[in-house]
Every structure is written in structure tokens, then in C-alpha cells.
Amino acid sequence: MKQRGMKRQLIGTVVSNKADKTATVLVERLVKHQMYLKYVRRRTKFAAHDASNDCQIGDKVLISESRPLSKTKRWRVIKIVEKAV
């Protein structure tokens, strides 16, 4: 079977786990401002599929791009990098 290329992987923090088998993951990135040339923090929330409902709020997780699983879910939780205290 052919590999179709690398899927994007991001690390973020779980901010909600209320939905069944879904975790909302907040990913922060630094972007250089065009005019002021200063780094600005940008945040994005992703709905990620968590089949075993293992994620808790505050966990740091690795998510990977996948085929659409629902209207908003296009990511899967690959592993929990760091558990919340």
C-alpha cells in the first residue's frame, strides 16, 4: 500500500471533554506580525476524536489530521503527552 504523505500533527491542551468520544484541543502558535515584526500568540480550537474517552481537561495531547469524522471533527488524538496535575 502506498503512503499518501505525512499527516499534520499538532500538540495542544484539552480544554473540554464534555462530548462523548470528543476532546476540544487548544493549539497555540507564534506568528510574526507583518508590520511590527513582533511575535503574536494565535490560538485555534480543534475537535479531536478520542475513542476511549481518556483525555481529561488540562492534558497535553498529540493530535493528527484524519478524514472527516463528523461535521466538525477532522482530527484524532494520537497520544497523551502529559497528564494534567
N, C-alpha and C. Protein backbone atom coordinates (compact mmCIF):
# COMPACT_ATOMS: atom_id res chain seq x y z
N MET A 1 0.84 -1.18 0.00
CA MET A 1 0.00 0.00 0.00
C MET A 1 0.88 1.24 0.00
N LYS A 2 0.52 2.23 -0.81
CA LYS A 2 1.30 3.47 -0.91
C LYS A 2 0.99 4.41 0.24
N GLN A 3 2.04 5.11 0.69
CA GLN A 3 1.86 6.16 1.69
C GLN A 3 1.45 7.43 0.94
N ARG A 4 0.39 8.10 1.41
CA ARG A 4 -0.10 9.28 0.71
C ARG A 4 0.50 10.58 1.23
N GLY A 5 1.57 10.49 2.01
CA GLY A 5 2.18 11.70 2.54
C GLY A 5 1.98 11.79 4.04
N MET A 6 2.72 12.68 4.64
CA MET A 6 2.64 12.85 6.09
C MET A 6 1.41 13.65 6.46
N LYS A 7 0.75 13.22 7.52
CA LYS A 7 -0.40 13.97 8.04
C LYS A 7 0.11 14.96 9.06
N ARG A 8 -0.54 16.12 9.13
CA ARG A 8 -0.12 17.14 10.09
C ARG A 8 -0.34 16.63 11.51
N GLN A 9 0.59 16.94 12.38
CA GLN A 9 0.46 16.59 13.79
C GLN A 9 0.71 17.85 14.61
N LEU A 10 -0.12 18.07 15.63
CA LEU A 10 -0.02 19.25 16.48
C LEU A 10 -0.09 18.83 17.94
N ILE A 11 0.50 19.64 18.81
CA ILE A 11 0.40 19.40 20.24
C ILE A 11 -0.41 20.53 20.85
N GLY A 12 -1.40 20.17 21.67
CA GLY A 12 -2.25 21.18 22.29
C GLY A 12 -2.76 20.71 23.64
N THR A 13 -3.57 21.57 24.26
CA THR A 13 -4.11 21.30 25.59
C THR A 13 -5.60 21.05 25.50
N VAL A 14 -6.09 20.03 26.20
CA VAL A 14 -7.53 19.72 26.20
C VAL A 14 -8.25 20.76 27.06
N VAL A 15 -9.24 21.44 26.45
CA VAL A 15 -9.99 22.46 27.19
C VAL A 15 -11.41 22.00 27.49
N SER A 16 -11.88 20.95 26.80
CA SER A 16 -13.21 20.40 27.08
C SER A 16 -13.26 18.94 26.68
N ASN A 17 -13.95 18.13 27.50
CA ASN A 17 -14.14 16.71 27.17
C ASN A 17 -15.58 16.30 27.44
N LYS A 18 -16.50 17.27 27.34
CA LYS A 18 -17.90 17.00 27.67
C LYS A 18 -18.61 16.13 26.66
N ALA A 19 -18.27 16.28 25.38
CA ALA A 19 -18.91 15.47 24.35
C ALA A 19 -18.37 14.05 24.39
N ASP A 20 -19.21 13.09 24.01
CA ASP A 20 -18.81 11.68 24.02
C ASP A 20 -17.80 11.42 22.91
N LYS A 21 -16.67 10.82 23.25
CA LYS A 21 -15.60 10.46 22.32
C LYS A 21 -15.02 11.65 21.57
N THR A 22 -15.12 12.84 22.16
CA THR A 22 -14.57 14.04 21.54
C THR A 22 -13.86 14.89 22.59
N ALA A 23 -12.70 15.40 22.22
CA ALA A 23 -11.96 16.33 23.08
C ALA A 23 -11.73 17.61 22.29
N THR A 24 -11.96 18.76 22.92
CA THR A 24 -11.65 20.03 22.28
C THR A 24 -10.24 20.40 22.69
N VAL A 25 -9.37 20.58 21.69
CA VAL A 25 -7.95 20.80 21.93
C VAL A 25 -7.58 22.22 21.48
N LEU A 26 -6.95 22.98 22.38
CA LEU A 26 -6.50 24.34 22.09
C LEU A 26 -5.03 24.29 21.69
N VAL A 27 -4.73 24.76 20.47
CA VAL A 27 -3.36 24.76 19.96
C VAL A 27 -2.91 26.21 19.83
N GLU A 28 -1.76 26.52 20.44
CA GLU A 28 -1.19 27.87 20.35
C GLU A 28 0.00 27.86 19.42
N ARG A 29 0.15 28.94 18.64
CA ARG A 29 1.30 29.07 17.76
C ARG A 29 1.75 30.52 17.77
N LEU A 30 3.02 30.74 17.47
CA LEU A 30 3.56 32.09 17.42
C LEU A 30 3.68 32.52 15.96
N VAL A 31 3.17 33.72 15.66
CA VAL A 31 3.20 34.26 14.31
C VAL A 31 3.84 35.64 14.36
N LYS A 32 4.71 35.92 13.41
CA LYS A 32 5.37 37.22 13.38
C LYS A 32 4.42 38.25 12.76
N HIS A 33 4.20 39.36 13.45
CA HIS A 33 3.34 40.43 12.96
C HIS A 33 4.02 41.10 11.76
N GLN A 34 3.25 41.33 10.67
CA GLN A 34 3.84 41.84 9.44
C GLN A 34 4.45 43.23 9.60
N MET A 35 3.74 44.11 10.30
CA MET A 35 4.22 45.48 10.41
C MET A 35 5.17 45.68 11.58
N TYR A 36 4.80 45.17 12.75
CA TYR A 36 5.59 45.43 13.95
C TYR A 36 6.71 44.42 14.17
N LEU A 37 6.73 43.35 13.38
CA LEU A 37 7.78 42.33 13.43
C LEU A 37 7.95 41.72 14.83
N LYS A 38 6.85 41.70 15.56
CA LYS A 38 6.84 41.18 16.92
C LYS A 38 6.04 39.86 16.87
N TYR A 39 6.41 38.90 17.70
CA TYR A 39 5.70 37.63 17.70
C TYR A 39 4.40 37.72 18.49
N VAL A 40 3.30 37.28 17.86
CA VAL A 40 1.97 37.34 18.45
C VAL A 40 1.47 35.91 18.63
N ARG A 41 0.82 35.64 19.76
CA ARG A 41 0.31 34.31 20.04
C ARG A 41 -1.06 34.13 19.41
N ARG A 42 -1.22 33.11 18.58
CA ARG A 42 -2.51 32.79 17.96
C ARG A 42 -3.00 31.46 18.51
N ARG A 43 -4.32 31.36 18.74
CA ARG A 43 -4.90 30.13 19.30
C ARG A 43 -5.97 29.61 18.36
N THR A 44 -6.06 28.29 18.27
CA THR A 44 -7.08 27.63 17.47
C THR A 44 -7.61 26.43 18.25
N LYS A 45 -8.93 26.23 18.18
CA LYS A 45 -9.53 25.06 18.84
C LYS A 45 -9.87 24.02 17.78
N PHE A 46 -9.53 22.77 18.07
CA PHE A 46 -9.84 21.66 17.19
C PHE A 46 -10.68 20.63 17.94
N ALA A 47 -11.68 20.08 17.27
CA ALA A 47 -12.45 18.96 17.83
C ALA A 47 -11.72 17.69 17.40
N ALA A 48 -11.26 16.91 18.36
CA ALA A 48 -10.47 15.71 18.06
C ALA A 48 -11.18 14.46 18.58
N HIS A 49 -11.11 13.38 17.81
CA HIS A 49 -11.75 12.12 18.17
C HIS A 49 -10.92 11.40 19.23
N ASP A 50 -11.56 11.11 20.37
CA ASP A 50 -10.93 10.41 21.48
C ASP A 50 -11.76 9.16 21.76
N ALA A 51 -11.47 8.08 21.05
CA ALA A 51 -12.31 6.88 21.06
C ALA A 51 -12.51 6.28 22.45
N SER A 52 -11.47 6.33 23.30
CA SER A 52 -11.56 5.69 24.61
C SER A 52 -11.91 6.65 25.74
N ASN A 53 -12.21 7.89 25.43
CA ASN A 53 -12.55 8.91 26.43
C ASN A 53 -11.50 9.02 27.54
N ASP A 54 -10.21 8.95 27.17
CA ASP A 54 -9.12 9.02 28.15
C ASP A 54 -8.73 10.45 28.51
N CYS A 55 -8.96 11.39 27.62
CA CYS A 55 -8.49 12.76 27.82
C CYS A 55 -9.25 13.46 28.94
N GLN A 56 -8.49 14.15 29.78
CA GLN A 56 -9.06 14.98 30.84
C GLN A 56 -8.67 16.43 30.57
N ILE A 57 -9.43 17.38 31.13
CA ILE A 57 -9.13 18.79 30.94
C ILE A 57 -7.75 19.10 31.50
N GLY A 58 -6.94 19.79 30.70
CA GLY A 58 -5.59 20.15 31.10
C GLY A 58 -4.51 19.23 30.57
N ASP A 59 -4.89 18.08 30.02
CA ASP A 59 -3.90 17.16 29.43
C ASP A 59 -3.27 17.78 28.19
N LYS A 60 -1.99 17.50 28.00
CA LYS A 60 -1.31 17.91 26.77
C LYS A 60 -1.36 16.70 25.83
N VAL A 61 -1.90 16.87 24.62
CA VAL A 61 -2.10 15.74 23.72
C VAL A 61 -1.52 16.01 22.33
N LEU A 62 -1.19 14.92 21.64
CA LEU A 62 -0.74 14.97 20.26
C LEU A 62 -1.93 14.59 19.39
N ILE A 63 -2.30 15.48 18.45
CA ILE A 63 -3.42 15.18 17.55
C ILE A 63 -2.90 15.10 16.12
N SER A 64 -3.58 14.31 15.32
CA SER A 64 -3.18 14.11 13.93
C SER A 64 -4.38 14.30 13.02
N GLU A 65 -4.13 14.84 11.85
CA GLU A 65 -5.17 15.07 10.86
C GLU A 65 -5.75 13.74 10.39
N SER A 66 -7.05 13.72 10.08
CA SER A 66 -7.67 12.49 9.58
C SER A 66 -8.81 12.86 8.63
N ARG A 67 -9.46 11.85 8.13
CA ARG A 67 -10.62 12.11 7.27
C ARG A 67 -11.73 12.69 8.13
N PRO A 68 -12.72 13.37 7.53
CA PRO A 68 -13.81 13.92 8.34
C PRO A 68 -14.58 12.82 9.07
N LEU A 69 -14.73 12.99 10.40
CA LEU A 69 -15.43 12.01 11.21
C LEU A 69 -16.84 12.49 11.55
N SER A 70 -17.05 13.80 11.51
CA SER A 70 -18.37 14.39 11.72
C SER A 70 -18.32 15.79 11.11
N LYS A 71 -19.32 16.60 11.41
CA LYS A 71 -19.37 17.96 10.85
C LYS A 71 -18.13 18.78 11.21
N THR A 72 -17.65 18.64 12.44
CA THR A 72 -16.52 19.47 12.89
C THR A 72 -15.24 18.68 13.16
N LYS A 73 -15.33 17.36 13.32
CA LYS A 73 -14.15 16.57 13.68
C LYS A 73 -13.33 16.15 12.47
N ARG A 74 -12.08 16.64 12.41
CA ARG A 74 -11.15 16.24 11.36
C ARG A 74 -9.80 15.84 11.94
N TRP A 75 -9.75 15.64 13.24
CA TRP A 75 -8.51 15.31 13.93
C TRP A 75 -8.74 14.12 14.86
N ARG A 76 -7.68 13.38 15.18
CA ARG A 76 -7.73 12.27 16.13
C ARG A 76 -6.66 12.46 17.19
N VAL A 77 -6.99 12.07 18.42
CA VAL A 77 -5.99 12.10 19.49
C VAL A 77 -5.10 10.88 19.31
N ILE A 78 -3.80 11.12 19.12
CA ILE A 78 -2.85 10.02 18.93
C ILE A 78 -2.35 9.50 20.27
N LYS A 79 -1.90 10.44 21.12
CA LYS A 79 -1.45 10.02 22.45
C LYS A 79 -1.50 11.19 23.42
N ILE A 80 -1.54 10.86 24.69
CA ILE A 80 -1.49 11.87 25.73
C ILE A 80 -0.02 12.07 26.08
N VAL A 81 0.49 13.26 25.80
CA VAL A 81 1.90 13.56 26.03
C VAL A 81 2.17 13.79 27.51
N GLU A 82 1.26 14.53 28.17
CA GLU A 82 1.45 14.88 29.57
C GLU A 82 0.09 14.96 30.26
N LYS A 83 -0.06 14.25 31.37
CA LYS A 83 -1.32 14.27 32.12
C LYS A 83 -1.44 15.55 32.95
N ALA A 84 -2.66 16.02 33.16
CA ALA A 84 -2.89 17.19 34.00
C ALA A 84 -2.63 16.84 35.47
N VAL A 85 -2.20 17.80 36.22
CA VAL A 85 -1.89 17.57 37.64
C VAL A 85 -3.16 17.57 38.45
